[in-house]
Amino acid sequence: MTTFSEFLTDAQLAARWQVHRQTLIRWRRQSTGPAYVRIEGRVLYPLAEVEHYEKANTITHEQP
């Protein structure tokens, strides 16, 4: 069973990434950014999806 602690609100995600909540709203309108769910009008980001998005967008620099 999924618990509420396994989700982030848009305010929590904005704080985590140090972006404005409006940025997340824009990304949702543009169908970009991490996957989210809408439950009774609330937007929630599954923590697993956020972590997957972060990993997929991590840039590493290989050392020679």
PDB file of N, CA and C in Angstrom:
ATOM      1  N   MET A   1       0.837  -1.189   0.000  1.00  0.00           N
ATOM      2  CA  MET A   1       0.000   0.000   0.000  1.00  0.00           C
ATOM      3  C   MET A   1       0.878   1.248   0.000  1.00  0.00           C
ATOM      4  N   THR A   2       0.513   2.211  -0.815  1.00  0.00           N
ATOM      5  CA  THR A   2       1.249   3.461  -0.915  1.00  0.00           C
ATOM      6  C   THR A   2       0.797   4.403   0.193  1.00  0.00           C
ATOM      7  N   THR A   3       1.759   5.050   0.844  1.00  0.00           N
ATOM      8  CA  THR A   3       1.427   6.000   1.902  1.00  0.00           C
ATOM      9  C   THR A   3       1.681   7.417   1.418  1.00  0.00           C
ATOM     10  N   PHE A   4       1.094   8.376   2.109  1.00  0.00           N
ATOM     11  CA  PHE A   4       1.252   9.773   1.728  1.00  0.00           C
ATOM     12  C   PHE A   4       2.710  10.198   1.752  1.00  0.00           C
ATOM     13  N   SER A   5       3.518   9.584   2.621  1.00  0.00           N
ATOM     14  CA  SER A   5       4.932   9.975   2.712  1.00  0.00           C
ATOM     15  C   SER A   5       5.708   9.589   1.455  1.00  0.00           C
ATOM     16  N   GLU A   6       5.085   8.783   0.582  1.00  0.00           N
ATOM     17  CA  GLU A   6       5.738   8.390  -0.657  1.00  0.00           C
ATOM     18  C   GLU A   6       5.430   9.362  -1.791  1.00  0.00           C
ATOM     19  N   PHE A   7       4.814  10.489  -1.459  1.00  0.00           N
ATOM     20  CA  PHE A   7       4.481  11.517  -2.437  1.00  0.00           C
ATOM     21  C   PHE A   7       5.035  12.862  -1.979  1.00  0.00           C
ATOM     22  N   LEU A   8       5.269  13.742  -2.941  1.00  0.00           N
ATOM     23  CA  LEU A   8       5.648  15.125  -2.650  1.00  0.00           C
ATOM     24  C   LEU A   8       4.584  16.039  -3.229  1.00  0.00           C
ATOM     25  N   THR A   9       4.254  17.091  -2.510  1.00  0.00           N
ATOM     26  CA  THR A   9       3.379  18.119  -3.070  1.00  0.00           C
ATOM     27  C   THR A   9       4.224  18.974  -4.017  1.00  0.00           C
ATOM     28  N   ASP A  10       3.560  19.806  -4.791  1.00  0.00           N
ATOM     29  CA  ASP A  10       4.343  20.666  -5.675  1.00  0.00           C
ATOM     30  C   ASP A  10       5.194  21.644  -4.871  1.00  0.00           C
ATOM     31  N   ALA A  11       4.722  22.072  -3.709  1.00  0.00           N
ATOM     32  CA  ALA A  11       5.514  22.973  -2.860  1.00  0.00           C
ATOM     33  C   ALA A  11       6.768  22.252  -2.343  1.00  0.00           C
ATOM     34  N   GLN A  12       6.620  20.991  -1.954  1.00  0.00           N
ATOM     35  CA  GLN A  12       7.774  20.223  -1.469  1.00  0.00           C
ATOM     36  C   GLN A  12       8.779  19.974  -2.589  1.00  0.00           C
ATOM     37  N   LEU A  13       8.282  19.652  -3.774  1.00  0.00           N
ATOM     38  CA  LEU A  13       9.197  19.418  -4.899  1.00  0.00           C
ATOM     39  C   LEU A  13       9.895  20.710  -5.316  1.00  0.00           C
ATOM     40  N   ALA A  14       9.156  21.806  -5.319  1.00  0.00           N
ATOM     41  CA  ALA A  14       9.762  23.098  -5.649  1.00  0.00           C
ATOM     42  C   ALA A  14      10.884  23.425  -4.668  1.00  0.00           C
ATOM     43  N   ALA A  15      10.668  23.165  -3.403  1.00  0.00           N
ATOM     44  CA  ALA A  15      11.703  23.413  -2.397  1.00  0.00           C
ATOM     45  C   ALA A  15      12.884  22.470  -2.601  1.00  0.00           C
ATOM     46  N   ARG A  16      12.613  21.212  -2.892  1.00  0.00           N
ATOM     47  CA  ARG A  16      13.679  20.221  -3.104  1.00  0.00           C
ATOM     48  C   ARG A  16      14.590  20.653  -4.252  1.00  0.00           C
ATOM     49  N   TRP A  17      13.985  21.136  -5.329  1.00  0.00           N
ATOM     50  CA  TRP A  17      14.762  21.511  -6.517  1.00  0.00           C
ATOM     51  C   TRP A  17      15.111  22.996  -6.559  1.00  0.00           C
ATOM     52  N   GLN A  18      14.648  23.741  -5.591  1.00  0.00           N
ATOM     53  CA  GLN A  18      14.893  25.181  -5.527  1.00  0.00           C
ATOM     54  C   GLN A  18      14.416  25.885  -6.796  1.00  0.00           C
ATOM     55  N   VAL A  19      13.184  25.553  -7.188  1.00  0.00           N
ATOM     56  CA  VAL A  19      12.528  26.218  -8.308  1.00  0.00           C
ATOM     57  C   VAL A  19      11.206  26.770  -7.802  1.00  0.00           C
ATOM     58  N   HIS A  20      10.644  27.677  -8.539  1.00  0.00           N
ATOM     59  CA  HIS A  20       9.355  28.253  -8.162  1.00  0.00           C
ATOM     60  C   HIS A  20       8.251  27.251  -8.487  1.00  0.00           C
ATOM     61  N   ARG A  21       7.210  27.244  -7.679  1.00  0.00           N
ATOM     62  CA  ARG A  21       6.067  26.350  -7.946  1.00  0.00           C
ATOM     63  C   ARG A  21       5.497  26.600  -9.334  1.00  0.00           C
ATOM     64  N   GLN A  22       5.563  27.827  -9.793  1.00  0.00           N
ATOM     65  CA  GLN A  22       5.040  28.165 -11.123  1.00  0.00           C
ATOM     66  C   GLN A  22       5.801  27.405 -12.213  1.00  0.00           C
ATOM     67  N   THR A  23       7.064  27.124 -11.975  1.00  0.00           N
ATOM     68  CA  THR A  23       7.848  26.328 -12.929  1.00  0.00           C
ATOM     69  C   THR A  23       7.251  24.938 -13.066  1.00  0.00           C
ATOM     70  N   LEU A  24       6.882  24.324 -11.955  1.00  0.00           N
ATOM     71  CA  LEU A  24       6.275  22.995 -12.000  1.00  0.00           C
ATOM     72  C   LEU A  24       4.918  23.041 -12.697  1.00  0.00           C
ATOM     73  N   ILE A  25       4.165  24.091 -12.455  1.00  0.00           N
ATOM     74  CA  ILE A  25       2.872  24.247 -13.125  1.00  0.00           C
ATOM     75  C   ILE A  25       3.074  24.354 -14.629  1.00  0.00           C
ATOM     76  N   ARG A  26       4.055  25.141 -15.041  1.00  0.00           N
ATOM     77  CA  ARG A  26       4.351  25.296 -16.469  1.00  0.00           C
ATOM     78  C   ARG A  26       4.768  23.966 -17.074  1.00  0.00           C
ATOM     79  N   TRP A  27       5.630  23.227 -16.367  1.00  0.00           N
ATOM     80  CA  TRP A  27       6.066  21.924 -16.868  1.00  0.00           C
ATOM     81  C   TRP A  27       4.878  20.980 -17.040  1.00  0.00           C
ATOM     82  N   ARG A  28       3.939  21.005 -16.105  1.00  0.00           N
ATOM     83  CA  ARG A  28       2.769  20.142 -16.241  1.00  0.00           C
ATOM     84  C   ARG A  28       1.972  20.520 -17.479  1.00  0.00           C
ATOM     85  N   ARG A  29       1.798  21.817 -17.717  1.00  0.00           N
ATOM     86  CA  ARG A  29       1.066  22.269 -18.910  1.00  0.00           C
ATOM     87  C   ARG A  29       1.782  21.846 -20.182  1.00  0.00           C
ATOM     88  N   GLN A  30       3.111  21.811 -20.148  1.00  0.00           N
ATOM     89  CA  GLN A  30       3.916  21.462 -21.318  1.00  0.00           C
ATOM     90  C   GLN A  30       4.198  19.963 -21.405  1.00  0.00           C
ATOM     91  N   SER A  31       3.620  19.196 -20.499  1.00  0.00           N
ATOM     92  CA  SER A  31       3.830  17.734 -20.442  1.00  0.00           C
ATOM     93  C   SER A  31       5.304  17.373 -20.342  1.00  0.00           C
ATOM     94  N   THR A  32       5.995  18.072 -19.472  1.00  0.00           N
ATOM     95  CA  THR A  32       7.404  17.785 -19.220  1.00  0.00           C
ATOM     96  C   THR A  32       7.583  17.645 -17.716  1.00  0.00           C
ATOM     97  N   GLY A  33       8.784  17.312 -17.287  1.00  0.00           N
ATOM     98  CA  GLY A  33       9.015  17.132 -15.859  1.00  0.00           C
ATOM     99  C   GLY A  33       8.609  15.741 -15.409  1.00  0.00           C
ATOM    100  N   PRO A  34       8.678  15.490 -14.105  1.00  0.00           N
ATOM    101  CA  PRO A  34       8.374  14.154 -13.594  1.00  0.00           C
ATOM    102  C   PRO A  34       6.876  13.836 -13.654  1.00  0.00           C
ATOM    103  N   ALA A  35       6.569  12.552 -13.666  1.00  0.00           N
ATOM    104  CA  ALA A  35       5.174  12.110 -13.654  1.00  0.00           C
ATOM    105  C   ALA A  35       4.516  12.537 -12.347  1.00  0.00           C
ATOM    106  N   TYR A  36       3.226  12.778 -12.419  1.00  0.00           N
ATOM    107  CA  TYR A  36       2.476  13.179 -11.224  1.00  0.00           C
ATOM    108  C   TYR A  36       1.099  12.549 -11.273  1.00  0.00           C
ATOM    109  N   VAL A  37       0.419  12.581 -10.158  1.00  0.00           N
ATOM    110  CA  VAL A  37      -0.962  12.120 -10.091  1.00  0.00           C
ATOM    111  C   VAL A  37      -1.820  13.265  -9.582  1.00  0.00           C
ATOM    112  N   ARG A  38      -3.061  13.249  -9.999  1.00  0.00           N
ATOM    113  CA  ARG A  38      -4.010  14.256  -9.519  1.00  0.00           C
ATOM    114  C   ARG A  38      -5.104  13.499  -8.779  1.00  0.00           C
ATOM    115  N   ILE A  39      -5.210  13.762  -7.490  1.00  0.00           N
ATOM    116  CA  ILE A  39      -6.204  13.105  -6.648  1.00  0.00           C
ATOM    117  C   ILE A  39      -7.079  14.166  -6.013  1.00  0.00           C
ATOM    118  N   GLU A  40      -8.343  14.137  -6.362  1.00  0.00           N
ATOM    119  CA  GLU A  40      -9.313  15.113  -5.847  1.00  0.00           C
ATOM    120  C   GLU A  40      -8.805  16.544  -5.990  1.00  0.00           C
ATOM    121  N   GLY A  41      -8.223  16.836  -7.136  1.00  0.00           N
ATOM    122  CA  GLY A  41      -7.755  18.186  -7.424  1.00  0.00           C
ATOM    123  C   GLY A  41      -6.365  18.502  -6.912  1.00  0.00           C
ATOM    124  N   ARG A  42      -5.779  17.613  -6.123  1.00  0.00           N
ATOM    125  CA  ARG A  42      -4.427  17.836  -5.590  1.00  0.00           C
ATOM    126  C   ARG A  42      -3.410  17.191  -6.518  1.00  0.00           C
ATOM    127  N   VAL A  43      -2.335  17.891  -6.777  1.00  0.00           N
ATOM    128  CA  VAL A  43      -1.241  17.351  -7.582  1.00  0.00           C
ATOM    129  C   VAL A  43      -0.203  16.779  -6.629  1.00  0.00           C
ATOM    130  N   LEU A  44       0.124  15.519  -6.835  1.00  0.00           N
ATOM    131  CA  LEU A  44       1.129  14.841  -6.020  1.00  0.00           C
ATOM    132  C   LEU A  44       2.141  14.165  -6.924  1.00  0.00           C
ATOM    133  N   TYR A  45       3.404  14.242  -6.531  1.00  0.00           N
ATOM    134  CA  TYR A  45       4.481  13.611  -7.278  1.00  0.00           C
ATOM    135  C   TYR A  45       4.953  12.382  -6.509  1.00  0.00           C
ATOM    136  N   PRO A  46       4.806  11.184  -7.095  1.00  0.00           N
ATOM    137  CA  PRO A  46       5.331   9.995  -6.419  1.00  0.00           C
ATOM    138  C   PRO A  46       6.852  10.131  -6.249  1.00  0.00           C
ATOM    139  N   LEU A  47       7.326   9.907  -5.042  1.00  0.00           N
ATOM    140  CA  LEU A  47       8.747  10.063  -4.756  1.00  0.00           C
ATOM    141  C   LEU A  47       9.600   9.196  -5.675  1.00  0.00           C
ATOM    142  N   ALA A  48       9.152   7.987  -5.975  1.00  0.00           N
ATOM    143  CA  ALA A  48       9.907   7.105  -6.869  1.00  0.00           C
ATOM    144  C   ALA A  48      10.048   7.732  -8.259  1.00  0.00           C
ATOM    145  N   GLU A  49       8.999   8.405  -8.746  1.00  0.00           N
ATOM    146  CA  GLU A  49       9.062   9.064 -10.059  1.00  0.00           C
ATOM    147  C   GLU A  49      10.005  10.266 -10.030  1.00  0.00           C
ATOM    148  N   VAL A  50       9.980  11.002  -8.933  1.00  0.00           N
ATOM    149  CA  VAL A  50      10.885  12.152  -8.786  1.00  0.00           C
ATOM    150  C   VAL A  50      12.333  11.670  -8.801  1.00  0.00           C
ATOM    151  N   GLU A  51      12.616  10.622  -8.038  1.00  0.00           N
ATOM    152  CA  GLU A  51      13.983  10.094  -7.988  1.00  0.00           C
ATOM    153  C   GLU A  51      14.404   9.525  -9.336  1.00  0.00           C
ATOM    154  N   HIS A  52      13.478   8.885 -10.050  1.00  0.00           N
ATOM    155  CA  HIS A  52      13.786   8.372 -11.394  1.00  0.00           C
ATOM    156  C   HIS A  52      14.096   9.533 -12.338  1.00  0.00           C
ATOM    157  N   TYR A  53      13.305  10.591 -12.274  1.00  0.00           N
ATOM    158  CA  TYR A  53      13.524  11.762 -13.117  1.00  0.00           C
ATOM    159  C   TYR A  53      14.876  12.404 -12.810  1.00  0.00           C
ATOM    160  N   GLU A  54      15.202  12.501 -11.535  1.00  0.00           N
ATOM    161  CA  GLU A  54      16.498  13.075 -11.145  1.00  0.00           C
ATOM    162  C   GLU A  54      17.643  12.232 -11.695  1.00  0.00           C
ATOM    163  N   LYS A  55      17.524  10.919 -11.559  1.00  0.00           N
ATOM    164  CA  LYS A  55      18.583  10.031 -12.040  1.00  0.00           C
ATOM    165  C   LYS A  55      18.718  10.115 -13.560  1.00  0.00           C
ATOM    166  N   ALA A  56      17.600  10.138 -14.258  1.00  0.00           N
ATOM    167  CA  ALA A  56      17.616  10.198 -15.719  1.00  0.00           C
ATOM    168  C   ALA A  56      18.193  11.515 -16.231  1.00  0.00           C
ATOM    169  N   ASN A  57      18.142  12.557 -15.418  1.00  0.00           N
ATOM    170  CA  ASN A  57      18.620  13.874 -15.838  1.00  0.00           C
ATOM    171  C   ASN A  57      19.908  14.290 -15.148  1.00  0.00           C
ATOM    172  N   THR A  58      20.576  13.335 -14.526  1.00  0.00           N
ATOM    173  CA  THR A  58      21.858  13.613 -13.886  1.00  0.00           C
ATOM    174  C   THR A  58      22.959  13.568 -14.945  1.00  0.00           C
ATOM    175  N   ILE A  59      23.741  14.609 -14.966  1.00  0.00           N
ATOM    176  CA  ILE A  59      24.848  14.691 -15.908  1.00  0.00           C
ATOM    177  C   ILE A  59      26.139  14.403 -15.159  1.00  0.00           C
ATOM    178  N   THR A  60      26.857  13.420 -15.632  1.00  0.00           N
ATOM    179  CA  THR A  60      28.136  13.081 -15.010  1.00  0.00           C
ATOM    180  C   THR A  60      29.247  13.380 -16.005  1.00  0.00           C
ATOM    181  N   HIS A  61      30.364  13.760 -15.486  1.00  0.00           N
ATOM    182  CA  HIS A  61      31.526  14.053 -16.324  1.00  0.00           C
ATOM    183  C   HIS A  61      32.562  12.972 -16.060  1.00  0.00           C
ATOM    184  N   GLU A  62      32.824  12.214 -17.089  1.00  0.00           N
ATOM    185  CA  GLU A  62      33.808  11.141 -16.931  1.00  0.00           C
ATOM    186  C   GLU A  62      35.212  11.728 -16.899  1.00  0.00           C
ATOM    187  N   GLN A  63      36.011  11.182 -16.016  1.00  0.00           N
ATOM    188  CA  GLN A  63      37.396  11.632 -15.896  1.00  0.00           C
ATOM    189  C   GLN A  63      38.242  10.889 -16.927  1.00  0.00           C
ATOM    190  N   PRO A  64      39.185  11.603 -17.550  1.00  0.00           N
ATOM    191  CA  PRO A  64      40.050  10.935 -18.558  1.00  0.00           C
ATOM    192  C   PRO A  64      40.965   9.922 -17.938  1.00  0.00           C
TER     193      PRO A  64
END
